[in-house]
Amino acid sequence: MLPLVRSERRDGRGSILALDLGTACGWAAVHEDGVIQSGEWDLSRRAKAEGMGLRFLRFKQKLIQFRRDLGPFGLVVYEEVMFSGKYGQSQVAAQLFGGWRAILTSWCETHEIPYTGIHNATLKKYMLGKVKKVSKADMIFAVKALGHLPATDNEADAIGLLYVALGNEQADRLIESASATG
């Protein structure tokens, strides 16, 4: 069971939204009828003179529009990344991630939507059975094996997060139905 903020457990109603926070923000959502949609939002600067705040406002607008289009969310999950300065992680990337996470979690609190971060190691272990030496191509391959066609690794991560959020029982049903149709 994922540790949720705002609620000890989700009531099973509403869509689930999964986000791979970043400039290229991967998203995936499962509706109450089991249909999964996914894609990627471009949150990059539109002009050289544009301030960082506009990127955050654009992200909040995406959340608002998504809620309008999909109806209420029963749960929001996002990939939790720990920045250590290793692996080429920049200070700017850490600041952006912190900003997007702050907007997401405050937006969830405002709308009383349970949310939780899922550590990237948990995502890798769940989807691929291992944590070390997992490439972006590995994650795309794992998601394609489930019958999805992610255009980017960010979209693949968001779909993977969705499967983690669904948990074994619901994920197994989706995997079985993907295998039966594939």
C-alpha atoms as a PDB file:
ATOM      1  CA  MET A   1       0.000   0.000   0.000  1.00  0.00           C
ATOM      2  CA  LEU A   2       1.356   3.404  -0.929  1.00  0.00           C
ATOM      3  CA  PRO A   3       1.636   5.951   1.873  1.00  0.00           C
ATOM      4  CA  LEU A   4      -0.952   8.570   0.971  1.00  0.00           C
ATOM      5  CA  VAL A   5      -1.161  12.123   2.121  1.00  0.00           C
ATOM      6  CA  ARG A   6      -4.637  13.515   2.851  1.00  0.00           C
ATOM      7  CA  SER A   7      -6.234  10.068   3.240  1.00  0.00           C
ATOM      8  CA  GLU A   8      -5.304   6.732   4.746  1.00  0.00           C
ATOM      9  CA  ARG A   9      -6.696   4.999   1.675  1.00  0.00           C
ATOM     10  CA  ARG A  10      -8.371   6.040  -1.475  1.00  0.00           C
ATOM     11  CA  ASP A  11     -12.064   5.259  -1.820  1.00  0.00           C
ATOM     12  CA  GLY A  12     -11.720   3.694  -5.277  1.00  0.00           C
ATOM     13  CA  ARG A  13     -13.604   6.468  -7.026  1.00  0.00           C
ATOM     14  CA  GLY A  14     -12.266   8.907  -9.559  1.00  0.00           C
ATOM     15  CA  SER A  15      -9.468   8.759 -12.069  1.00  0.00           C
ATOM     16  CA  ILE A  16      -5.843   8.200 -11.112  1.00  0.00           C
ATOM     17  CA  LEU A  17      -3.306  10.672 -12.501  1.00  0.00           C
ATOM     18  CA  ALA A  18       0.387   9.752 -12.631  1.00  0.00           C
ATOM     19  CA  LEU A  19       3.054  12.371 -13.386  1.00  0.00           C
ATOM     20  CA  ASP A  20       6.744  12.209 -14.223  1.00  0.00           C
ATOM     21  CA  LEU A  21       7.497  15.804 -13.219  1.00  0.00           C
ATOM     22  CA  GLY A  22       9.936  17.696 -15.420  1.00  0.00           C
ATOM     23  CA  THR A  23      10.264  20.123 -18.284  1.00  0.00           C
ATOM     24  CA  ALA A  24       8.961  17.306 -20.472  1.00  0.00           C
ATOM     25  CA  CYS A  25       6.259  16.159 -18.030  1.00  0.00           C
ATOM     26  CA  GLY A  26       5.031  12.654 -18.710  1.00  0.00           C
ATOM     27  CA  TRP A  27       1.452  11.949 -17.674  1.00  0.00           C
ATOM     28  CA  ALA A  28      -0.832   8.945 -17.598  1.00  0.00           C
ATOM     29  CA  ALA A  29      -4.386   8.621 -16.324  1.00  0.00           C
ATOM     30  CA  VAL A  30      -6.688   5.697 -15.794  1.00  0.00           C
ATOM     31  CA  HIS A  31     -10.391   6.390 -15.766  1.00  0.00           C
ATOM     32  CA  GLU A  32     -12.908   4.564 -13.597  1.00  0.00           C
ATOM     33  CA  ASP A  33     -13.779   2.418 -16.643  1.00  0.00           C
ATOM     34  CA  GLY A  34     -10.145   1.219 -16.847  1.00  0.00           C
ATOM     35  CA  VAL A  35      -9.208   3.165 -19.997  1.00  0.00           C
ATOM     36  CA  ILE A  36      -5.651   4.493 -19.853  1.00  0.00           C
ATOM     37  CA  GLN A  37      -4.544   7.666 -21.623  1.00  0.00           C
ATOM     38  CA  SER A  38      -1.016   9.062 -21.603  1.00  0.00           C
ATOM     39  CA  GLY A  39       1.166  11.724 -23.115  1.00  0.00           C
ATOM     40  CA  GLU A  40       3.664  14.445 -22.370  1.00  0.00           C
ATOM     41  CA  TRP A  41       3.308  18.134 -21.530  1.00  0.00           C
ATOM     42  CA  ASP A  42       5.949  20.590 -22.726  1.00  0.00           C
ATOM     43  CA  LEU A  43       6.711  22.891 -19.794  1.00  0.00           C
ATOM     44  CA  SER A  44       9.789  24.510 -21.320  1.00  0.00           C
ATOM     45  CA  ARG A  45      10.355  28.223 -21.633  1.00  0.00           C
ATOM     46  CA  ARG A  46       8.552  29.723 -24.616  1.00  0.00           C
ATOM     47  CA  ALA A  47      10.821  32.760 -24.918  1.00  0.00           C
ATOM     48  CA  LYS A  48      14.250  33.710 -23.635  1.00  0.00           C
ATOM     49  CA  ALA A  49      12.829  36.549 -21.536  1.00  0.00           C
ATOM     50  CA  GLU A  50      10.146  34.343 -19.954  1.00  0.00           C
ATOM     51  CA  GLY A  51      10.409  33.957 -16.189  1.00  0.00           C
ATOM     52  CA  MET A  52      10.417  30.591 -14.436  1.00  0.00           C
ATOM     53  CA  GLY A  53       7.062  31.419 -12.835  1.00  0.00           C
ATOM     54  CA  LEU A  54       5.259  31.135 -16.169  1.00  0.00           C
ATOM     55  CA  ARG A  55       6.386  27.505 -16.455  1.00  0.00           C
ATOM     56  CA  PHE A  56       4.777  26.800 -13.078  1.00  0.00           C
ATOM     57  CA  LEU A  57       1.589  28.627 -14.044  1.00  0.00           C
ATOM     58  CA  ARG A  58       1.423  26.596 -17.268  1.00  0.00           C
ATOM     59  CA  PHE A  59       1.742  23.404 -15.198  1.00  0.00           C
ATOM     60  CA  LYS A  60      -1.085  24.490 -12.879  1.00  0.00           C
ATOM     61  CA  GLN A  61      -3.254  25.292 -15.927  1.00  0.00           C
ATOM     62  CA  LYS A  62      -2.620  21.759 -17.244  1.00  0.00           C
ATOM     63  CA  LEU A  63      -3.800  20.310 -13.922  1.00  0.00           C
ATOM     64  CA  ILE A  64      -6.931  22.472 -13.922  1.00  0.00           C
ATOM     65  CA  GLN A  65      -7.759  21.561 -17.530  1.00  0.00           C
ATOM     66  CA  PHE A  66      -7.110  17.882 -16.883  1.00  0.00           C
ATOM     67  CA  ARG A  67      -9.492  17.878 -13.917  1.00  0.00           C
ATOM     68  CA  ARG A  68     -12.139  19.572 -16.070  1.00  0.00           C
ATOM     69  CA  ASP A  69     -11.688  17.022 -18.853  1.00  0.00           C
ATOM     70  CA  LEU A  70     -11.397  13.851 -16.744  1.00  0.00           C
ATOM     71  CA  GLY A  71     -13.601  14.669 -13.800  1.00  0.00           C
ATOM     72  CA  PRO A  72     -12.556  14.129 -10.207  1.00  0.00           C
ATOM     73  CA  PHE A  73      -9.299  12.424  -9.329  1.00  0.00           C
ATOM     74  CA  GLY A  74      -9.277   9.746  -6.676  1.00  0.00           C
ATOM     75  CA  LEU A  75      -5.486   9.744  -6.486  1.00  0.00           C
ATOM     76  CA  VAL A  76      -2.471  11.586  -7.878  1.00  0.00           C
ATOM     77  CA  VAL A  77       0.979   9.980  -7.895  1.00  0.00           C
ATOM     78  CA  TYR A  78       4.269  11.446  -9.043  1.00  0.00           C
ATOM     79  CA  GLU A  79       7.810  10.188  -9.390  1.00  0.00           C
ATOM     80  CA  GLU A  80       9.832  11.242  -6.371  1.00  0.00           C
ATOM     81  CA  VAL A  81      13.394  12.092  -7.329  1.00  0.00           C
ATOM     82  CA  MET A  82      16.168  12.680  -4.810  1.00  0.00           C
ATOM     83  CA  PHE A  83      18.732  15.139  -6.111  1.00  0.00           C
ATOM     84  CA  SER A  84      22.230  14.454  -4.906  1.00  0.00           C
ATOM     85  CA  GLY A  85      24.322  16.236  -7.509  1.00  0.00           C
ATOM     86  CA  LYS A  86      25.388  12.889  -8.949  1.00  0.00           C
ATOM     87  CA  TYR A  87      24.578  11.690 -12.440  1.00  0.00           C
ATOM     88  CA  GLY A  88      24.672  15.195 -13.916  1.00  0.00           C
ATOM     89  CA  GLN A  89      21.655  16.439 -11.955  1.00  0.00           C
ATOM     90  CA  SER A  90      21.724  20.194 -11.989  1.00  0.00           C
ATOM     91  CA  GLN A  91      20.694  22.721  -9.401  1.00  0.00           C
ATOM     92  CA  VAL A  92      18.198  24.192 -11.873  1.00  0.00           C
ATOM     93  CA  ALA A  93      16.588  20.768 -12.416  1.00  0.00           C
ATOM     94  CA  ALA A  94      16.242  20.349  -8.647  1.00  0.00           C
ATOM     95  CA  GLN A  95      14.682  23.800  -8.305  1.00  0.00           C
ATOM     96  CA  LEU A  96      12.229  23.131 -11.127  1.00  0.00           C
ATOM     97  CA  PHE A  97      11.268  19.740  -9.692  1.00  0.00           C
ATOM     98  CA  GLY A  98      10.688  21.320  -6.273  1.00  0.00           C
ATOM     99  CA  GLY A  99       8.490  23.991  -7.848  1.00  0.00           C
ATOM    100  CA  TRP A 100       6.388  21.501  -9.788  1.00  0.00           C
ATOM    101  CA  ARG A 101       6.036  19.266  -6.732  1.00  0.00           C
ATOM    102  CA  ALA A 102       4.987  22.248  -4.587  1.00  0.00           C
ATOM    103  CA  ILE A 103       2.336  23.274  -7.110  1.00  0.00           C
ATOM    104  CA  LEU A 104       1.082  19.706  -7.509  1.00  0.00           C
ATOM    105  CA  THR A 105       0.841  18.946  -3.796  1.00  0.00           C
ATOM    106  CA  SER A 106      -0.766  22.293  -2.910  1.00  0.00           C
ATOM    107  CA  TRP A 107      -3.238  21.844  -5.788  1.00  0.00           C
ATOM    108  CA  CYS A 108      -4.092  18.350  -4.477  1.00  0.00           C
ATOM    109  CA  GLU A 109      -4.542  19.733  -0.952  1.00  0.00           C
ATOM    110  CA  THR A 110      -6.844  22.483  -2.258  1.00  0.00           C
ATOM    111  CA  HIS A 111      -9.039  19.907  -4.012  1.00  0.00           C
ATOM    112  CA  GLU A 112      -8.717  17.290  -1.241  1.00  0.00           C
ATOM    113  CA  ILE A 113      -7.160  14.740  -3.596  1.00  0.00           C
ATOM    114  CA  PRO A 114      -4.942  12.067  -2.024  1.00  0.00           C
ATOM    115  CA  TYR A 115      -1.410  12.126  -3.431  1.00  0.00           C
ATOM    116  CA  THR A 116       1.911  10.415  -2.947  1.00  0.00           C
ATOM    117  CA  GLY A 117       5.391  10.367  -4.387  1.00  0.00           C
ATOM    118  CA  ILE A 118       6.758   7.083  -5.681  1.00  0.00           C
ATOM    119  CA  HIS A 119      10.533   6.843  -5.515  1.00  0.00           C
ATOM    120  CA  ASN A 120      12.163   6.191  -8.875  1.00  0.00           C
ATOM    121  CA  ALA A 121      13.841   3.045  -7.468  1.00  0.00           C
ATOM    122  CA  THR A 122      10.400   1.670  -6.533  1.00  0.00           C
ATOM    123  CA  LEU A 123       9.192   2.341 -10.077  1.00  0.00           C
ATOM    124  CA  LYS A 124      12.176   0.542 -11.613  1.00  0.00           C
ATOM    125  CA  LYS A 125      11.877  -2.421  -9.248  1.00  0.00           C
ATOM    126  CA  TYR A 126       8.133  -2.776  -9.898  1.00  0.00           C
ATOM    127  CA  MET A 127       8.365  -2.509 -13.674  1.00  0.00           C
ATOM    128  CA  LEU A 128      11.673  -4.253 -14.333  1.00  0.00           C
ATOM    129  CA  GLY A 129      12.507  -6.251 -11.216  1.00  0.00           C
ATOM    130  CA  LYS A 130      15.779  -4.392 -10.731  1.00  0.00           C
ATOM    131  CA  VAL A 131      17.026  -0.935  -9.817  1.00  0.00           C
ATOM    132  CA  LYS A 132      20.592  -0.697 -11.077  1.00  0.00           C
ATOM    133  CA  LYS A 133      21.537  -0.266 -14.709  1.00  0.00           C
ATOM    134  CA  VAL A 134      18.005   0.478 -15.862  1.00  0.00           C
ATOM    135  CA  SER A 135      17.996   2.619 -18.977  1.00  0.00           C
ATOM    136  CA  LYS A 136      15.262   4.796 -20.416  1.00  0.00           C
ATOM    137  CA  ALA A 137      14.974   2.255 -23.234  1.00  0.00           C
ATOM    138  CA  ASP A 138      14.370  -0.506 -20.652  1.00  0.00           C
ATOM    139  CA  MET A 139      11.414   1.383 -19.192  1.00  0.00           C
ATOM    140  CA  ILE A 140       9.962   2.052 -22.652  1.00  0.00           C
ATOM    141  CA  PHE A 141      10.341  -1.656 -23.489  1.00  0.00           C
ATOM    142  CA  ALA A 142       8.576  -2.707 -20.252  1.00  0.00           C
ATOM    143  CA  VAL A 143       5.655  -0.375 -20.903  1.00  0.00           C
ATOM    144  CA  LYS A 144       5.375  -1.482 -24.537  1.00  0.00           C
ATOM    145  CA  ALA A 145       5.251  -5.097 -23.308  1.00  0.00           C
ATOM    146  CA  LEU A 146       2.064  -4.107 -21.451  1.00  0.00           C
ATOM    147  CA  GLY A 147       0.470  -2.950 -24.709  1.00  0.00           C
ATOM    148  CA  HIS A 148       1.150   0.789 -24.505  1.00  0.00           C
ATOM    149  CA  LEU A 149       2.949   2.895 -27.090  1.00  0.00           C
ATOM    150  CA  PRO A 150       4.768   5.662 -25.206  1.00  0.00           C
ATOM    151  CA  ALA A 151       6.332   8.306 -27.431  1.00  0.00           C
ATOM    152  CA  THR A 152       8.982   9.224 -24.841  1.00  0.00           C
ATOM    153  CA  ASP A 153      10.658   7.860 -21.733  1.00  0.00           C
ATOM    154  CA  ASN A 154       8.769  10.455 -19.661  1.00  0.00           C
ATOM    155  CA  GLU A 155       5.443   9.091 -20.884  1.00  0.00           C
ATOM    156  CA  ALA A 156       6.685   5.533 -20.196  1.00  0.00           C
ATOM    157  CA  ASP A 157       7.635   6.509 -16.628  1.00  0.00           C
ATOM    158  CA  ALA A 158       4.178   8.010 -16.062  1.00  0.00           C
ATOM    159  CA  ILE A 159       2.495   4.830 -17.313  1.00  0.00           C
ATOM    160  CA  GLY A 160       4.763   2.782 -15.037  1.00  0.00           C
ATOM    161  CA  LEU A 161       3.823   5.005 -12.082  1.00  0.00           C
ATOM    162  CA  LEU A 162       0.184   4.368 -12.893  1.00  0.00           C
ATOM    163  CA  TYR A 163       0.755   0.613 -12.673  1.00  0.00           C
ATOM    164  CA  VAL A 164       2.515   1.021  -9.322  1.00  0.00           C
ATOM    165  CA  ALA A 165      -0.425   3.102  -8.063  1.00  0.00           C
ATOM    166  CA  LEU A 166      -2.963   0.559  -9.260  1.00  0.00           C
ATOM    167  CA  GLY A 167      -1.192  -2.161  -7.332  1.00  0.00           C
ATOM    168  CA  ASN A 168      -0.768  -5.783  -8.174  1.00  0.00           C
ATOM    169  CA  GLU A 169      -4.409  -6.870  -8.445  1.00  0.00           C
ATOM    170  CA  GLN A 170      -5.637  -4.136 -10.776  1.00  0.00           C
ATOM    171  CA  ALA A 171      -2.357  -4.080 -12.709  1.00  0.00           C
ATOM    172  CA  ASP A 172      -2.574  -7.846 -13.226  1.00  0.00           C
ATOM    173  CA  ARG A 173      -6.076  -7.448 -14.693  1.00  0.00           C
ATOM    174  CA  LEU A 174      -4.831  -4.756 -17.093  1.00  0.00           C
ATOM    175  CA  ILE A 175      -1.838  -6.902 -18.069  1.00  0.00           C
ATOM    176  CA  GLU A 176      -4.126  -9.913 -18.683  1.00  0.00           C
ATOM    177  CA  SER A 177      -6.485  -7.873 -20.857  1.00  0.00           C
ATOM    178  CA  ALA A 178      -3.522  -6.405 -22.794  1.00  0.00           C
ATOM    179  CA  SER A 179      -2.188  -9.939 -23.356  1.00  0.00           C
ATOM    180  CA  ALA A 180      -5.591 -11.200 -24.500  1.00  0.00           C
ATOM    181  CA  THR A 181      -5.960  -8.425 -27.083  1.00  0.00           C
ATOM    182  CA  GLY A 182      -2.303  -8.393 -28.161  1.00  0.00           C
END
